[in-house]
Amino acid sequence: MNKEEIIEKLKPIVKPFVKNEEAFANLTDKTDFITDLNINSANLVDIVLDIEEVFNIEIDNESMEKMLNIENTITIIQTKLKEK
């Protein structure tokens, strides 16, 4: 699955938690969940759980701690999909 396909699947997962709509509208792989989208850390856990469900993967705690921006999240999703 390529980067664009993953971003398209990520958008509906992330959208309910976004506090900065302008940053969400201009989402790139450099977008940071906390700094740019103003998503709190508790909601990041919800996002990770939804990512696991949508992509049918398991994300360990070490990977979860790295999922602070879109780029890292895409890398982790791609890695976990290859491991399946």
Protein backbone atom coordinates (compact mmCIF):
# COMPACT_ATOMS: atom_id res chain seq x y z
CA MET A 1 0.00 0.00 0.00
CA ASN A 2 1.51 3.34 -0.99
CA LYS A 3 1.72 6.56 0.99
CA GLU A 4 -1.26 8.22 -0.69
CA GLU A 5 -3.52 5.21 -0.10
CA ILE A 6 -2.55 5.15 3.58
CA ILE A 7 -3.16 8.90 3.97
CA GLU A 8 -6.62 8.52 2.43
CA LYS A 9 -7.42 5.78 4.96
CA LEU A 10 -5.93 7.83 7.81
CA LYS A 11 -7.99 10.98 7.18
CA PRO A 12 -11.36 9.62 8.36
CA ILE A 13 -9.65 8.03 11.40
CA VAL A 14 -7.96 11.27 12.45
CA LYS A 15 -10.69 13.79 11.53
CA PRO A 16 -12.97 13.34 14.61
CA PHE A 17 -10.08 14.31 16.92
CA VAL A 18 -8.69 17.29 14.95
CA LYS A 19 -8.87 20.69 16.64
CA ASN A 20 -7.13 22.58 13.79
CA GLU A 21 -9.21 22.17 10.63
CA GLU A 22 -6.88 24.31 8.52
CA ALA A 23 -3.88 22.07 9.28
CA PHE A 24 -6.04 19.01 8.54
CA ALA A 25 -7.07 20.47 5.18
CA ASN A 26 -3.37 20.92 4.32
CA LEU A 27 -2.28 17.52 5.70
CA THR A 28 1.14 16.31 4.53
CA ASP A 29 3.49 13.57 5.66
CA LYS A 30 5.21 16.19 7.87
CA THR A 31 1.99 16.99 9.77
CA ASP A 32 2.37 16.42 13.51
CA PHE A 33 -0.68 15.09 15.38
CA ILE A 34 -0.15 17.08 18.58
CA THR A 35 1.56 20.28 17.36
CA ASP A 36 -0.23 20.81 14.04
CA LEU A 37 -3.60 19.13 14.46
CA ASN A 38 -3.89 19.88 18.21
CA ILE A 39 -4.88 16.29 19.02
CA ASN A 40 -4.33 15.39 22.67
CA SER A 41 -2.30 12.35 23.68
CA ALA A 42 -5.34 10.44 24.99
CA ASN A 43 -6.96 10.74 21.56
CA LEU A 44 -3.75 9.46 19.94
CA VAL A 45 -4.40 6.13 21.66
CA ASP A 46 -7.90 6.07 20.11
CA ILE A 47 -6.39 6.84 16.71
CA VAL A 48 -3.88 3.99 17.06
CA LEU A 49 -6.66 1.56 18.03
CA ASP A 50 -8.69 2.66 14.99
CA ILE A 51 -5.61 2.29 12.75
CA GLU A 52 -5.15 -1.27 14.02
CA GLU A 53 -8.75 -2.06 13.14
CA VAL A 54 -8.85 -0.38 9.72
CA PHE A 55 -5.50 -1.78 8.55
CA ASN A 56 -5.91 -5.10 10.39
CA ILE A 57 -2.51 -4.82 12.08
CA GLU A 58 -1.15 -4.85 15.63
CA ILE A 59 0.88 -1.89 16.85
CA ASP A 60 3.21 -2.49 19.79
CA ASN A 61 3.90 0.16 22.44
CA GLU A 62 7.32 1.00 21.02
CA SER A 63 5.81 1.74 17.59
CA MET A 64 2.90 3.62 19.14
CA GLU A 65 5.31 6.02 20.87
CA LYS A 66 6.82 6.90 17.48
CA MET A 67 3.47 7.65 15.82
CA LEU A 68 3.56 11.39 16.44
CA ASN A 69 3.36 12.55 12.85
CA ILE A 70 1.93 11.34 9.56
CA GLU A 71 5.31 10.27 8.13
CA ASN A 72 6.18 7.98 11.07
CA THR A 73 2.64 6.60 11.13
CA ILE A 74 2.81 5.71 7.42
CA THR A 75 6.20 4.01 7.90
CA ILE A 76 4.92 1.95 10.83
CA ILE A 77 1.72 0.96 8.99
CA GLN A 78 3.74 -0.11 5.92
CA THR A 79 6.14 -2.11 8.10
CA LYS A 80 3.32 -3.87 9.95
CA LEU A 81 1.51 -4.66 6.69
CA LYS A 82 4.67 -6.29 5.31
CA GLU A 83 4.98 -8.41 8.46
CA LYS A 84 1.53 -9.90 7.97
